[in-house]
Amino acid sequence: MTLHDGAYEGEPYVAGSAGHPAVRLIESMTASGELDGGPGGEVVALFAATSGGSGERIHLAVFQLRDAKLVNVATADVGDRVKLRRLSVEGGTVVLDVVQTGPGEAMCCGTQLARKTY
């Protein structure tokens, strides 16, 4: 899919319904640095994806500049309804601090602090 102005909105799953795929770039959560040891650095961005329900899946994507274009070289699922706190590139590793759902918590209201590394 291609984002325009940081967003993508797909067609409804069923004609006339409100449910449709949507993705948006989380502009406040980007980082850059060296991840693969090759020439040039990488850019890391986070995206929120919904399908019309109450969930919002967060995805982390890594981009490289190739032939004057940003190319997606890796993508990872971060989780559903994860609250983002901090994103950085440290020593060749992507570090993401989040608040997520812990054991016994409702999906809406996670309180568990977590550090995810990629």
C-alpha atoms as a PDB file:
ATOM      1  CA  MET A   1       0.000   0.000   0.000  1.00  0.00           C
ATOM      2  CA  THR A   2       1.070   3.559  -0.557  1.00  0.00           C
ATOM      3  CA  LEU A   3       0.480   6.271   2.003  1.00  0.00           C
ATOM      4  CA  HIS A   4      -0.496   9.765   0.866  1.00  0.00           C
ATOM      5  CA  ASP A   5       0.158  12.557   3.372  1.00  0.00           C
ATOM      6  CA  GLY A   6       0.993   9.856   5.929  1.00  0.00           C
ATOM      7  CA  ALA A   7      -2.240   7.874   5.590  1.00  0.00           C
ATOM      8  CA  TYR A   8      -3.964   5.105   3.645  1.00  0.00           C
ATOM      9  CA  GLU A   9      -7.695   4.390   3.570  1.00  0.00           C
ATOM     10  CA  GLY A  10      -8.927   1.294   1.778  1.00  0.00           C
ATOM     11  CA  GLU A  11     -12.319   0.439   0.379  1.00  0.00           C
ATOM     12  CA  PRO A  12     -15.015  -0.875   2.774  1.00  0.00           C
ATOM     13  CA  TYR A  13     -14.908  -4.628   3.348  1.00  0.00           C
ATOM     14  CA  VAL A  14     -18.590  -4.775   2.458  1.00  0.00           C
ATOM     15  CA  ALA A  15     -20.242  -2.166   0.234  1.00  0.00           C
ATOM     16  CA  GLY A  16     -21.929   0.487   2.374  1.00  0.00           C
ATOM     17  CA  SER A  17     -20.305  -0.606   5.644  1.00  0.00           C
ATOM     18  CA  ALA A  18     -18.116   1.562   7.841  1.00  0.00           C
ATOM     19  CA  GLY A  19     -15.433  -1.111   8.304  1.00  0.00           C
ATOM     20  CA  HIS A  20     -12.409  -0.536   6.072  1.00  0.00           C
ATOM     21  CA  PRO A  21      -8.625  -0.863   6.368  1.00  0.00           C
ATOM     22  CA  ALA A  22      -6.774   2.280   7.395  1.00  0.00           C
ATOM     23  CA  VAL A  23      -3.104   2.945   8.175  1.00  0.00           C
ATOM     24  CA  ARG A  24      -1.466   6.127   9.434  1.00  0.00           C
ATOM     25  CA  LEU A  25       2.111   7.110  10.066  1.00  0.00           C
ATOM     26  CA  ILE A  26       2.771   8.100  13.669  1.00  0.00           C
ATOM     27  CA  GLU A  27       4.853  11.129  12.750  1.00  0.00           C
ATOM     28  CA  SER A  28       5.991  11.874  16.292  1.00  0.00           C
ATOM     29  CA  MET A  29       7.645   8.432  16.586  1.00  0.00           C
ATOM     30  CA  THR A  30      10.492   8.123  14.097  1.00  0.00           C
ATOM     31  CA  ALA A  31      14.202   7.507  14.568  1.00  0.00           C
ATOM     32  CA  SER A  32      17.271   7.014  12.429  1.00  0.00           C
ATOM     33  CA  GLY A  33      20.614   5.327  12.824  1.00  0.00           C
ATOM     34  CA  GLU A  34      22.850   2.529  11.623  1.00  0.00           C
ATOM     35  CA  LEU A  35      21.233  -0.920  11.803  1.00  0.00           C
ATOM     36  CA  ASP A  36      22.857  -3.157   9.175  1.00  0.00           C
ATOM     37  CA  GLY A  37      26.496  -2.087   9.121  1.00  0.00           C
ATOM     38  CA  GLY A  38      26.260  -1.066   5.467  1.00  0.00           C
ATOM     39  CA  PRO A  39      26.740   2.377   3.982  1.00  0.00           C
ATOM     40  CA  GLY A  40      24.158   4.948   5.049  1.00  0.00           C
ATOM     41  CA  GLY A  41      21.746   4.684   7.920  1.00  0.00           C
ATOM     42  CA  GLU A  42      18.214   3.445   8.243  1.00  0.00           C
ATOM     43  CA  VAL A  43      14.999   5.229   9.193  1.00  0.00           C
ATOM     44  CA  VAL A  44      12.570   3.604  11.621  1.00  0.00           C
ATOM     45  CA  ALA A  45       8.897   4.571  11.683  1.00  0.00           C
ATOM     46  CA  LEU A  46       5.772   3.411  13.483  1.00  0.00           C
ATOM     47  CA  PHE A  47       2.370   2.924  11.882  1.00  0.00           C
ATOM     48  CA  ALA A  48      -1.108   2.401  13.343  1.00  0.00           C
ATOM     49  CA  ALA A  49      -3.453   0.070  11.444  1.00  0.00           C
ATOM     50  CA  THR A  50      -7.182  -0.344  12.022  1.00  0.00           C
ATOM     51  CA  SER A  51      -9.948  -2.254  10.324  1.00  0.00           C
ATOM     52  CA  GLY A  52     -12.907  -0.313  11.668  1.00  0.00           C
ATOM     53  CA  GLY A  53     -13.150  -2.028  15.061  1.00  0.00           C
ATOM     54  CA  SER A  54     -11.839  -0.898  18.421  1.00  0.00           C
ATOM     55  CA  GLY A  55      -8.375  -2.390  17.962  1.00  0.00           C
ATOM     56  CA  GLU A  56      -5.355  -0.542  16.638  1.00  0.00           C
ATOM     57  CA  ARG A  57      -2.300  -2.625  15.714  1.00  0.00           C
ATOM     58  CA  ILE A  58       1.049  -0.867  15.835  1.00  0.00           C
ATOM     59  CA  HIS A  59       3.736  -1.864  13.322  1.00  0.00           C
ATOM     60  CA  LEU A  60       7.397  -0.891  13.238  1.00  0.00           C
ATOM     61  CA  ALA A  61       9.013  -0.477   9.813  1.00  0.00           C
ATOM     62  CA  VAL A  62      12.642   0.019   8.786  1.00  0.00           C
ATOM     63  CA  PHE A  63      13.486   1.928   5.614  1.00  0.00           C
ATOM     64  CA  GLN A  64      16.689   2.380   3.606  1.00  0.00           C
ATOM     65  CA  LEU A  65      17.439   4.930   0.929  1.00  0.00           C
ATOM     66  CA  ARG A  66      17.947   3.107  -2.394  1.00  0.00           C
ATOM     67  CA  ASP A  67      18.192   4.886  -5.735  1.00  0.00           C
ATOM     68  CA  ALA A  68      16.898   8.097  -4.095  1.00  0.00           C
ATOM     69  CA  LYS A  69      13.772   6.308  -2.760  1.00  0.00           C
ATOM     70  CA  LEU A  70      12.913   5.063   0.711  1.00  0.00           C
ATOM     71  CA  VAL A  71      12.413   1.303   0.552  1.00  0.00           C
ATOM     72  CA  ASN A  72      10.792  -0.769   3.329  1.00  0.00           C
ATOM     73  CA  VAL A  73      13.325  -3.477   4.255  1.00  0.00           C
ATOM     74  CA  ALA A  74      11.739  -4.884   7.429  1.00  0.00           C
ATOM     75  CA  THR A  75       8.454  -4.730   9.313  1.00  0.00           C
ATOM     76  CA  ALA A  76       7.485  -6.071  12.749  1.00  0.00           C
ATOM     77  CA  ASP A  77       4.188  -6.233  14.620  1.00  0.00           C
ATOM     78  CA  VAL A  78       4.466  -4.352  17.924  1.00  0.00           C
ATOM     79  CA  GLY A  79       1.013  -5.181  19.279  1.00  0.00           C
ATOM     80  CA  ASP A  80      -2.643  -4.255  19.608  1.00  0.00           C
ATOM     81  CA  ARG A  81      -3.578  -1.050  21.475  1.00  0.00           C
ATOM     82  CA  VAL A  82       0.017  -0.513  22.614  1.00  0.00           C
ATOM     83  CA  LYS A  83       0.749   2.955  23.960  1.00  0.00           C
ATOM     84  CA  LEU A  84       4.022   4.300  22.594  1.00  0.00           C
ATOM     85  CA  ARG A  85       6.474   6.094  24.878  1.00  0.00           C
ATOM     86  CA  ARG A  86       9.902   6.287  23.186  1.00  0.00           C
ATOM     87  CA  LEU A  87      11.618   5.067  20.010  1.00  0.00           C
ATOM     88  CA  SER A  88      15.380   5.150  19.392  1.00  0.00           C
ATOM     89  CA  VAL A  89      18.222   3.444  17.558  1.00  0.00           C
ATOM     90  CA  GLU A  90      20.988   2.463  19.986  1.00  0.00           C
ATOM     91  CA  GLY A  91      24.113   0.542  18.998  1.00  0.00           C
ATOM     92  CA  GLY A  92      22.542  -1.072  15.939  1.00  0.00           C
ATOM     93  CA  THR A  93      19.319  -1.993  17.757  1.00  0.00           C
ATOM     94  CA  VAL A  94      15.854  -0.456  17.573  1.00  0.00           C
ATOM     95  CA  VAL A  95      14.587   0.210  21.108  1.00  0.00           C
ATOM     96  CA  LEU A  96      10.885   0.866  21.728  1.00  0.00           C
ATOM     97  CA  ASP A  97       9.415   1.666  25.154  1.00  0.00           C
ATOM     98  CA  VAL A  98       5.678   0.997  25.423  1.00  0.00           C
ATOM     99  CA  VAL A  99       2.784   0.499  27.803  1.00  0.00           C
ATOM    100  CA  GLN A 100       0.987  -2.741  26.974  1.00  0.00           C
ATOM    101  CA  THR A 101      -1.709  -5.001  28.316  1.00  0.00           C
ATOM    102  CA  GLY A 102      -0.524  -7.171  31.187  1.00  0.00           C
ATOM    103  CA  PRO A 103      -1.955 -10.428  32.541  1.00  0.00           C
ATOM    104  CA  GLY A 104      -5.605 -10.054  33.512  1.00  0.00           C
ATOM    105  CA  GLU A 105      -5.939  -6.523  32.099  1.00  0.00           C
ATOM    106  CA  ALA A 106      -8.564  -5.447  29.591  1.00  0.00           C
ATOM    107  CA  MET A 107      -7.183  -4.720  26.091  1.00  0.00           C
ATOM    108  CA  CYS A 108      -8.246  -1.083  26.399  1.00  0.00           C
ATOM    109  CA  CYS A 109      -6.381  -0.305  29.541  1.00  0.00           C
ATOM    110  CA  GLY A 110      -2.929  -1.835  29.707  1.00  0.00           C
ATOM    111  CA  THR A 111      -0.556  -0.662  32.443  1.00  0.00           C
ATOM    112  CA  GLN A 112       2.510  -2.887  31.904  1.00  0.00           C
ATOM    113  CA  LEU A 113       5.701  -0.994  31.001  1.00  0.00           C
ATOM    114  CA  ALA A 114       7.809  -2.895  28.467  1.00  0.00           C
ATOM    115  CA  ARG A 115      10.942  -2.402  26.401  1.00  0.00           C
ATOM    116  CA  LYS A 116      10.955  -4.087  23.004  1.00  0.00           C
ATOM    117  CA  THR A 117      14.150  -4.467  20.990  1.00  0.00           C
ATOM    118  CA  TYR A 118      14.538  -5.304  17.317  1.00  0.00           C
END
